[in-house]
Every structure is written in structure tokens, then in C-alpha cells.
């Protein structure tokens, strides 16, 4: 006879491991960059210096950019989940992970609100697109810095948190450059945006790679064995 407890255990949801989420985020970053490069060839008349990435969501091949927005949402959520699951019990990264999740959600919503092309009057879905993009960019810029600082107290992250902090600061500088280009017709806003997005995606990739390394089966077994030896000796 199956007890209620056993029945409940059978229905329990098995969430992906930190390593699975981390590898998913890494694969997502690679595919995202590949799609961005593909769009540059599909729409060669758009300027990499002056046209925003979102401009590819207009006209022919618009759906390819929409797929990339949704992919950015998915890979960022995977990275946030991997970070949350890998952090030590004494490490508080909830604030940074929450901001990373907001960046992910806003990135996904961008697929449903077409922007106005560079130089056009901003109205309707274009205004919503700009607002979502602004919220997303602020959240990821703050999230990467805050999370990098918070991870410094986690022993497993000591080899990586300094590099993550440096990359996150570079992202903040790129964001300020992007802000300075707003409203200036001849400023290379498209280039600044691409640098900003590239740096933030680099941070996500580095963080995911660290989680993947820490959550390797052999490493988990070694850590578990060391923990048991400490308990016995204690």
C-alpha cells in the first residue's frame, strides 16, 4: 500500500541542478551572440554604430530579433537560478538575483513591443519598448555589481568574484556612455549599446561557467567527503 507521504514524494517536482542551469545559460549566450551576428548580415543596411539592436525587430526578419529577446530572457533566468542554487548558505545574493530576473522578464517583453527606428518619433509600442529597455539595462547593471560584491564572502567564489566585479564595473561604464549618447544625433549609441550588452552577457557567461565548475559531480563528492571528515574529527 502506498502511503500519502510516498505519494507526495512521487509528485515532488525535480528542479534542474545548478550545473544544468549554468550550462543552459552558457549555451544561450553563445546562441544569442550568433543570432546577433546573423542579423548584421541579414540587415546590412543597419549601422552597427548608430542603430540600436532593437531596430532589427522592424521589417524583414523581425521575428529573428524577437526570438533573441526571448532567448535573452531564458538564458538570464537560467543564470539567476544557477546563482541562487550555487551560493553558500551564508551568502546573500537575493537582491542581485531578483534584479537579474527583472532584467530577464523585461528582455522577454521587448519581443512584444516593437521599437521606433533610429530618428523616428517615439510613440506607442516604441515608448513601451524604451521604458522596458531602460528598466532592463538599469537592473542588469546594478545586479551584476551587487551580486559580484556579495559573492566575495562565499569561499567557492573567491577565485572569480574579483573578475566578475571588474566586468560588472566595465558594464556600468558602458551604460553611462550609452546614456550620454541619448539625444545626440551623431553619437555612436548603437555601438555603446552593443558594448554594454556584450559586457553584461560576458558577466553572465563567466558566472555561469563558475557555477558549472563548482557543481561538477567530482567536485561535489570531494566537498561532501571533506565535510564528513570534518564532522567526524569534530
C-alpha atoms as a PDB file:
ATOM      1  CA  UNK A   1       0.000   0.000   0.000  1.00  0.00           C
ATOM      2  CA  UNK A   2       1.342   3.439  -0.948  1.00  0.00           C
ATOM      3  CA  UNK A   3       1.188   5.941   1.874  1.00  0.00           C
ATOM      4  CA  UNK A   4       0.245   9.571   1.389  1.00  0.00           C
ATOM      5  CA  UNK A   5       3.819  10.569   2.166  1.00  0.00           C
ATOM      6  CA  UNK A   6       5.219   8.295  -0.534  1.00  0.00           C
ATOM      7  CA  UNK A   7       2.587   9.520  -2.985  1.00  0.00           C
ATOM      8  CA  UNK A   8       3.534  13.158  -2.249  1.00  0.00           C
ATOM      9  CA  UNK A   9       7.218  12.340  -2.702  1.00  0.00           C
ATOM     10  CA  UNK A  10       6.453  10.818  -6.104  1.00  0.00           C
ATOM     11  CA  UNK A  11       4.738  14.019  -7.197  1.00  0.00           C
ATOM     12  CA  UNK A  12       7.531  16.258  -5.984  1.00  0.00           C
ATOM     13  CA  UNK A  13       8.939  18.488  -8.718  1.00  0.00           C
ATOM     14  CA  UNK A  14      12.604  17.886  -9.543  1.00  0.00           C
ATOM     15  CA  UNK A  15      14.182  21.238 -10.338  1.00  0.00           C
ATOM     16  CA  UNK A  16      17.210  21.413 -12.649  1.00  0.00           C
ATOM     17  CA  UNK A  17      20.575  21.318 -10.912  1.00  0.00           C
ATOM     18  CA  UNK A  18      22.773  24.403 -10.686  1.00  0.00           C
ATOM     19  CA  UNK A  19      25.119  22.889 -13.284  1.00  0.00           C
ATOM     20  CA  UNK A  20      22.273  22.207 -15.721  1.00  0.00           C
ATOM     21  CA  UNK A  21      21.045  25.794 -15.389  1.00  0.00           C
ATOM     22  CA  UNK A  22      24.596  27.113 -15.768  1.00  0.00           C
ATOM     23  CA  UNK A  23      25.269  25.138 -18.948  1.00  0.00           C
ATOM     24  CA  UNK A  24      21.908  26.260 -20.324  1.00  0.00           C
ATOM     25  CA  UNK A  25      22.843  29.894 -19.669  1.00  0.00           C
ATOM     26  CA  UNK A  26      26.236  29.427 -21.348  1.00  0.00           C
ATOM     27  CA  UNK A  27      24.663  27.808 -24.412  1.00  0.00           C
ATOM     28  CA  UNK A  28      22.101  30.610 -24.510  1.00  0.00           C
ATOM     29  CA  UNK A  29      24.790  33.294 -24.548  1.00  0.00           C
ATOM     30  CA  UNK A  30      26.598  31.588 -27.446  1.00  0.00           C
ATOM     31  CA  UNK A  31      23.401  31.261 -29.496  1.00  0.00           C
ATOM     32  CA  UNK A  32      22.354  34.832 -28.678  1.00  0.00           C
ATOM     33  CA  UNK A  33      25.639  36.251 -29.966  1.00  0.00           C
ATOM     34  CA  UNK A  34      25.451  34.043 -33.060  1.00  0.00           C
ATOM     35  CA  UNK A  35      21.954  35.346 -33.852  1.00  0.00           C
ATOM     36  CA  UNK A  36      23.114  38.939 -33.402  1.00  0.00           C
ATOM     37  CA  UNK A  37      25.928  38.328 -35.890  1.00  0.00           C
ATOM     38  CA  UNK A  38      23.464  36.680 -38.285  1.00  0.00           C
ATOM     39  CA  UNK A  39      21.157  39.727 -38.082  1.00  0.00           C
ATOM     40  CA  UNK A  40      24.046  42.007 -39.014  1.00  0.00           C
ATOM     41  CA  UNK A  41      24.383  40.051 -42.280  1.00  0.00           C
ATOM     42  CA  UNK A  42      20.637  39.775 -42.870  1.00  0.00           C
ATOM     43  CA  UNK A  43      20.145  43.547 -42.462  1.00  0.00           C
ATOM     44  CA  UNK A  44      23.456  45.049 -43.683  1.00  0.00           C
ATOM     45  CA  UNK A  45      21.918  48.490 -44.249  1.00  0.00           C
ATOM     46  CA  UNK A  46      21.588  48.979 -40.487  1.00  0.00           C
ATOM     47  CA  UNK A  47      24.560  50.724 -38.902  1.00  0.00           C
ATOM     48  CA  UNK A  48      26.348  48.919 -36.091  1.00  0.00           C
ATOM     49  CA  UNK A  49      27.406  52.354 -34.826  1.00  0.00           C
ATOM     50  CA  UNK A  50      24.089  54.173 -34.814  1.00  0.00           C
ATOM     51  CA  UNK A  51      21.224  51.678 -34.995  1.00  0.00           C
ATOM     52  CA  UNK A  52      20.060  50.082 -31.773  1.00  0.00           C
ATOM     53  CA  UNK A  53      19.913  46.301 -31.586  1.00  0.00           C
ATOM     54  CA  UNK A  54      16.133  46.578 -31.258  1.00  0.00           C
ATOM     55  CA  UNK A  55      15.885  48.128 -34.733  1.00  0.00           C
ATOM     56  CA  UNK A  56      16.327  44.614 -36.132  1.00  0.00           C
ATOM     57  CA  UNK A  57      12.839  43.917 -34.763  1.00  0.00           C
ATOM     58  CA  UNK A  58      11.375  46.022 -37.583  1.00  0.00           C
ATOM     59  CA  UNK A  59      10.749  44.927 -41.166  1.00  0.00           C
ATOM     60  CA  UNK A  60      12.054  41.712 -42.742  1.00  0.00           C
ATOM     61  CA  UNK A  61      13.427  39.110 -40.339  1.00  0.00           C
ATOM     62  CA  UNK A  62      11.827  40.923 -37.382  1.00  0.00           C
ATOM     63  CA  UNK A  63      10.964  37.581 -35.798  1.00  0.00           C
ATOM     64  CA  UNK A  64      14.647  36.625 -35.525  1.00  0.00           C
ATOM     65  CA  UNK A  65      15.238  39.577 -33.185  1.00  0.00           C
ATOM     66  CA  UNK A  66      12.087  38.670 -31.247  1.00  0.00           C
ATOM     67  CA  UNK A  67      13.431  35.141 -30.775  1.00  0.00           C
ATOM     68  CA  UNK A  68      16.670  36.634 -29.448  1.00  0.00           C
ATOM     69  CA  UNK A  69      14.790  38.782 -26.920  1.00  0.00           C
ATOM     70  CA  UNK A  70      13.021  35.662 -25.645  1.00  0.00           C
ATOM     71  CA  UNK A  71      16.325  33.775 -25.615  1.00  0.00           C
ATOM     72  CA  UNK A  72      17.911  36.565 -23.545  1.00  0.00           C
ATOM     73  CA  UNK A  73      15.064  36.176 -21.088  1.00  0.00           C
ATOM     74  CA  UNK A  74      15.542  32.407 -20.859  1.00  0.00           C
ATOM     75  CA  UNK A  75      19.335  32.424 -20.515  1.00  0.00           C
ATOM     76  CA  UNK A  76      19.209  35.168 -17.888  1.00  0.00           C
ATOM     77  CA  UNK A  77      16.614  33.282 -15.839  1.00  0.00           C
ATOM     78  CA  UNK A  78      18.788  30.172 -16.088  1.00  0.00           C
ATOM     79  CA  UNK A  79      21.796  32.165 -14.857  1.00  0.00           C
ATOM     80  CA  UNK A  80      19.774  33.644 -11.994  1.00  0.00           C
ATOM     81  CA  UNK A  81      18.618  30.174 -10.971  1.00  0.00           C
ATOM     82  CA  UNK A  82      22.136  28.771 -11.175  1.00  0.00           C
ATOM     83  CA  UNK A  83      23.485  31.572  -8.978  1.00  0.00           C
ATOM     84  CA  UNK A  84      20.710  31.157  -6.437  1.00  0.00           C
ATOM     85  CA  UNK A  85      21.281  27.396  -6.197  1.00  0.00           C
ATOM     86  CA  UNK A  86      25.083  27.549  -6.043  1.00  0.00           C
ATOM     87  CA  UNK A  87      25.560  30.267  -3.420  1.00  0.00           C
ATOM     88  CA  UNK A  88      26.650  29.075   0.015  1.00  0.00           C
ATOM     89  CA  UNK A  89      24.210  29.171   2.957  1.00  0.00           C
ATOM     90  CA  UNK A  90      25.824  32.309   4.380  1.00  0.00           C
ATOM     91  CA  UNK A  91      25.871  34.205   1.078  1.00  0.00           C
ATOM     92  CA  UNK A  92      23.018  36.634   0.495  1.00  0.00           C
ATOM     93  CA  UNK A  93      22.541  37.301  -3.200  1.00  0.00           C
ATOM     94  CA  UNK A  94      18.759  37.513  -3.248  1.00  0.00           C
ATOM     95  CA  UNK A  95      18.726  41.187  -4.223  1.00  0.00           C
ATOM     96  CA  UNK A  96      21.078  40.731  -7.148  1.00  0.00           C
ATOM     97  CA  UNK A  97      19.291  37.606  -8.378  1.00  0.00           C
ATOM     98  CA  UNK A  98      15.934  39.403  -8.199  1.00  0.00           C
ATOM     99  CA  UNK A  99      17.278  42.283 -10.298  1.00  0.00           C
ATOM    100  CA  UNK A 100      18.694  39.771 -12.769  1.00  0.00           C
ATOM    101  CA  UNK A 101      15.248  38.170 -13.018  1.00  0.00           C
ATOM    102  CA  UNK A 102      13.644  41.574 -13.683  1.00  0.00           C
ATOM    103  CA  UNK A 103      16.188  42.197 -16.462  1.00  0.00           C
ATOM    104  CA  UNK A 104      15.236  38.802 -17.888  1.00  0.00           C
ATOM    105  CA  UNK A 105      11.496  39.497 -17.776  1.00  0.00           C
ATOM    106  CA  UNK A 106      11.848  42.936 -19.389  1.00  0.00           C
ATOM    107  CA  UNK A 107      14.110  41.456 -22.072  1.00  0.00           C
ATOM    108  CA  UNK A 108      11.434  38.930 -22.955  1.00  0.00           C
ATOM    109  CA  UNK A 109       8.690  41.578 -23.041  1.00  0.00           C
ATOM    110  CA  UNK A 110      10.704  43.589 -25.575  1.00  0.00           C
ATOM    111  CA  UNK A 111       9.723  40.986 -28.172  1.00  0.00           C
ATOM    112  CA  UNK A 112       6.092  42.142 -27.937  1.00  0.00           C
ATOM    113  CA  UNK A 113       6.709  45.901 -28.225  1.00  0.00           C
ATOM    114  CA  UNK A 114       8.366  46.996 -31.472  1.00  0.00           C
ATOM    115  CA  UNK A 115      10.692  49.968 -31.166  1.00  0.00           C
ATOM    116  CA  UNK A 116      10.669  53.060 -33.372  1.00  0.00           C
ATOM    117  CA  UNK A 117      13.597  53.137 -35.773  1.00  0.00           C
ATOM    118  CA  UNK A 118      16.503  55.455 -35.078  1.00  0.00           C
ATOM    119  CA  UNK A 119      15.489  59.018 -35.979  1.00  0.00           C
ATOM    120  CA  UNK A 120      11.731  58.356 -35.907  1.00  0.00           C
ATOM    121  CA  UNK A 121       9.280  59.954 -33.489  1.00  0.00           C
ATOM    122  CA  UNK A 122       8.858  57.784 -30.382  1.00  0.00           C
ATOM    123  CA  UNK A 123       5.245  56.741 -29.830  1.00  0.00           C
ATOM    124  CA  UNK A 124       3.015  53.764 -28.988  1.00  0.00           C
ATOM    125  CA  UNK A 125       4.866  50.473 -28.717  1.00  0.00           C
ATOM    126  CA  UNK A 126       8.148  52.326 -29.227  1.00  0.00           C
ATOM    127  CA  UNK A 127       7.662  54.225 -25.967  1.00  0.00           C
ATOM    128  CA  UNK A 128       6.870  50.999 -24.107  1.00  0.00           C
ATOM    129  CA  UNK A 129       9.934  49.392 -25.675  1.00  0.00           C
ATOM    130  CA  UNK A 130      12.182  52.219 -24.488  1.00  0.00           C
ATOM    131  CA  UNK A 131      10.779  52.016 -20.952  1.00  0.00           C
ATOM    132  CA  UNK A 132      11.260  48.247 -20.778  1.00  0.00           C
ATOM    133  CA  UNK A 133      14.784  48.523 -22.169  1.00  0.00           C
ATOM    134  CA  UNK A 134      15.682  51.244 -19.642  1.00  0.00           C
ATOM    135  CA  UNK A 135      14.399  49.178 -16.712  1.00  0.00           C
ATOM    136  CA  UNK A 136      16.185  46.072 -18.022  1.00  0.00           C
ATOM    137  CA  UNK A 137      19.508  47.864 -18.526  1.00  0.00           C
ATOM    138  CA  UNK A 138      19.446  49.533 -15.100  1.00  0.00           C
ATOM    139  CA  UNK A 139      18.553  46.258 -13.392  1.00  0.00           C
ATOM    140  CA  UNK A 140      21.297  44.197 -15.034  1.00  0.00           C
ATOM    141  CA  UNK A 141      23.931  46.909 -14.476  1.00  0.00           C
ATOM    142  CA  UNK A 142      23.099  47.058 -10.772  1.00  0.00           C
ATOM    143  CA  UNK A 143      22.530  43.298 -10.440  1.00  0.00           C
ATOM    144  CA  UNK A 144      25.967  42.332 -11.729  1.00  0.00           C
ATOM    145  CA  UNK A 145      27.770  44.788  -9.431  1.00  0.00           C
ATOM    146  CA  UNK A 146      25.721  43.908  -6.343  1.00  0.00           C
ATOM    147  CA  UNK A 147      25.995  40.161  -6.926  1.00  0.00           C
ATOM    148  CA  UNK A 148      29.748  40.364  -7.547  1.00  0.00           C
ATOM    149  CA  UNK A 149      30.263  42.200  -4.251  1.00  0.00           C
ATOM    150  CA  UNK A 150      28.012  39.811  -2.322  1.00  0.00           C
ATOM    151  CA  UNK A 151      29.796  36.729  -3.674  1.00  0.00           C
ATOM    152  CA  UNK A 152      33.113  37.818  -2.156  1.00  0.00           C
ATOM    153  CA  UNK A 153      32.093  36.223   1.172  1.00  0.00           C
ATOM    154  CA  UNK A 154      31.455  32.827  -0.430  1.00  0.00           C
ATOM    155  CA  UNK A 155      34.597  30.611  -0.320  1.00  0.00           C
ATOM    156  CA  UNK A 156      33.631  28.892  -3.561  1.00  0.00           C
ATOM    157  CA  UNK A 157      33.537  32.198  -5.415  1.00  0.00           C
ATOM    158  CA  UNK A 158      36.798  33.708  -4.125  1.00  0.00           C
ATOM    159  CA  UNK A 159      38.772  32.846  -7.312  1.00  0.00           C
ATOM    160  CA  UNK A 160      36.142  34.500  -9.513  1.00  0.00           C
ATOM    161  CA  UNK A 161      34.398  37.368  -7.734  1.00  0.00           C
ATOM    162  CA  UNK A 162      37.158  39.926  -8.435  1.00  0.00           C
ATOM    163  CA  UNK A 163      36.974  39.287 -12.190  1.00  0.00           C
ATOM    164  CA  UNK A 164      33.183  39.428 -12.061  1.00  0.00           C
ATOM    165  CA  UNK A 165      33.327  42.769 -10.242  1.00  0.00           C
ATOM    166  CA  UNK A 166      35.747  44.207 -12.818  1.00  0.00           C
ATOM    167  CA  UNK A 167      33.488  43.103 -15.693  1.00  0.00           C
ATOM    168  CA  UNK A 168      30.402  44.492 -13.955  1.00  0.00           C
ATOM    169  CA  UNK A 169      32.089  47.875 -13.462  1.00  0.00           C
ATOM    170  CA  UNK A 170      33.032  47.897 -17.160  1.00  0.00           C
ATOM    171  CA  UNK A 171      29.359  47.269 -17.908  1.00  0.00           C
ATOM    172  CA  UNK A 172      28.336  50.234 -15.756  1.00  0.00           C
ATOM    173  CA  UNK A 173      30.806  52.468 -17.623  1.00  0.00           C
ATOM    174  CA  UNK A 174      29.355  51.292 -20.951  1.00  0.00           C
ATOM    175  CA  UNK A 175      25.862  52.057 -19.647  1.00  0.00           C
ATOM    176  CA  UNK A 176      26.914  55.607 -18.755  1.00  0.00           C
ATOM    177  CA  UNK A 177      28.364  56.026 -22.248  1.00  0.00           C
ATOM    178  CA  UNK A 178      25.079  54.810 -23.702  1.00  0.00           C
ATOM    179  CA  UNK A 179      23.185  57.312 -21.585  1.00  0.00           C
ATOM    180  CA  UNK A 180      25.470  60.133 -22.716  1.00  0.00           C
ATOM    181  CA  UNK A 181      24.644  59.286 -26.346  1.00  0.00           C
ATOM    182  CA  UNK A 182      20.893  59.691 -25.837  1.00  0.00           C
ATOM    183  CA  UNK A 183      19.550  62.646 -27.791  1.00  0.00           C
ATOM    184  CA  UNK A 184      22.811  63.227 -29.675  1.00  0.00           C
ATOM    185  CA  UNK A 185      22.302  62.548 -33.378  1.00  0.00           C
ATOM    186  CA  UNK A 186      25.942  61.815 -34.233  1.00  0.00           C
ATOM    187  CA  UNK A 187      26.839  59.853 -31.089  1.00  0.00           C
ATOM    188  CA  UNK A 188      27.503  56.131 -31.704  1.00  0.00           C
ATOM    189  CA  UNK A 189      24.677  54.964 -29.456  1.00  0.00           C
ATOM    190  CA  UNK A 190      24.350  51.655 -31.280  1.00  0.00           C
ATOM    191  CA  UNK A 191      27.990  50.846 -30.615  1.00  0.00           C
ATOM    192  CA  UNK A 192      27.715  51.783 -26.922  1.00  0.00           C
ATOM    193  CA  UNK A 193      24.622  49.599 -26.568  1.00  0.00           C
ATOM    194  CA  UNK A 194      26.358  46.627 -28.165  1.00  0.00           C
ATOM    195  CA  UNK A 195      29.374  47.061 -25.882  1.00  0.00           C
ATOM    196  CA  UNK A 196      27.081  47.262 -22.858  1.00  0.00           C
ATOM    197  CA  UNK A 197      25.102  44.171 -23.815  1.00  0.00           C
ATOM    198  CA  UNK A 198      28.283  42.305 -24.701  1.00  0.00           C
ATOM    199  CA  UNK A 199      29.874  43.058 -21.334  1.00  0.00           C
ATOM    200  CA  UNK A 200      26.753  42.082 -19.391  1.00  0.00           C
ATOM    201  CA  UNK A 201      26.438  38.838 -21.340  1.00  0.00           C
ATOM    202  CA  UNK A 202      30.126  38.199 -20.653  1.00  0.00           C
ATOM    203  CA  UNK A 203      29.416  38.582 -16.924  1.00  0.00           C
ATOM    204  CA  UNK A 204      26.538  36.111 -17.177  1.00  0.00           C
ATOM    205  CA  UNK A 205      28.740  33.662 -19.087  1.00  0.00           C
ATOM    206  CA  UNK A 206      31.596  33.940 -16.560  1.00  0.00           C
ATOM    207  CA  UNK A 207      29.242  33.488 -13.615  1.00  0.00           C
ATOM    208  CA  UNK A 208      27.575  30.502 -15.274  1.00  0.00           C
ATOM    209  CA  UNK A 209      30.959  28.955 -16.081  1.00  0.00           C
ATOM    210  CA  UNK A 210      31.990  29.267 -12.430  1.00  0.00           C
ATOM    211  CA  UNK A 211      28.785  27.572 -11.292  1.00  0.00           C
ATOM    212  CA  UNK A 212      29.363  24.762 -13.808  1.00  0.00           C
ATOM    213  CA  UNK A 213      32.884  24.231 -12.456  1.00  0.00           C
ATOM    214  CA  UNK A 214      31.788  24.277  -8.805  1.00  0.00           C
ATOM    215  CA  UNK A 215      28.855  21.919  -9.399  1.00  0.00           C
ATOM    216  CA  UNK A 216      30.819  19.170 -11.170  1.00  0.00           C
ATOM    217  CA  UNK A 217      29.971  15.703  -9.748  1.00  0.00           C
ATOM    218  CA  UNK A 218      33.575  15.016  -8.723  1.00  0.00           C
ATOM    219  CA  UNK A 219      33.853  18.374  -7.015  1.00  0.00           C
ATOM    220  CA  UNK A 220      30.574  17.839  -5.163  1.00  0.00           C
ATOM    221  CA  UNK A 221      31.738  14.424  -3.957  1.00  0.00           C
ATOM    222  CA  UNK A 222      35.078  15.849  -2.763  1.00  0.00           C
ATOM    223  CA  UNK A 223      33.321  18.646  -0.906  1.00  0.00           C
ATOM    224  CA  UNK A 224      30.901  16.170   0.665  1.00  0.00           C
ATOM    225  CA  UNK A 225      33.738  13.861   1.756  1.00  0.00           C
ATOM    226  CA  UNK A 226      35.660  16.781   3.254  1.00  0.00           C
ATOM    227  CA  UNK A 227      32.558  17.877   5.130  1.00  0.00           C
ATOM    228  CA  UNK A 228      32.036  14.359   6.580  1.00  0.00           C
ATOM    229  CA  UNK A 229      35.702  14.179   7.683  1.00  0.00           C
ATOM    230  CA  UNK A 230      35.308  17.492   9.485  1.00  0.00           C
ATOM    231  CA  UNK A 231      32.188  16.255  11.234  1.00  0.00           C
ATOM    232  CA  UNK A 232      33.952  13.045  12.371  1.00  0.00           C
ATOM    233  CA  UNK A 233      37.044  14.895  13.585  1.00  0.00           C
ATOM    234  CA  UNK A 234      34.818  17.384  15.391  1.00  0.00           C
END
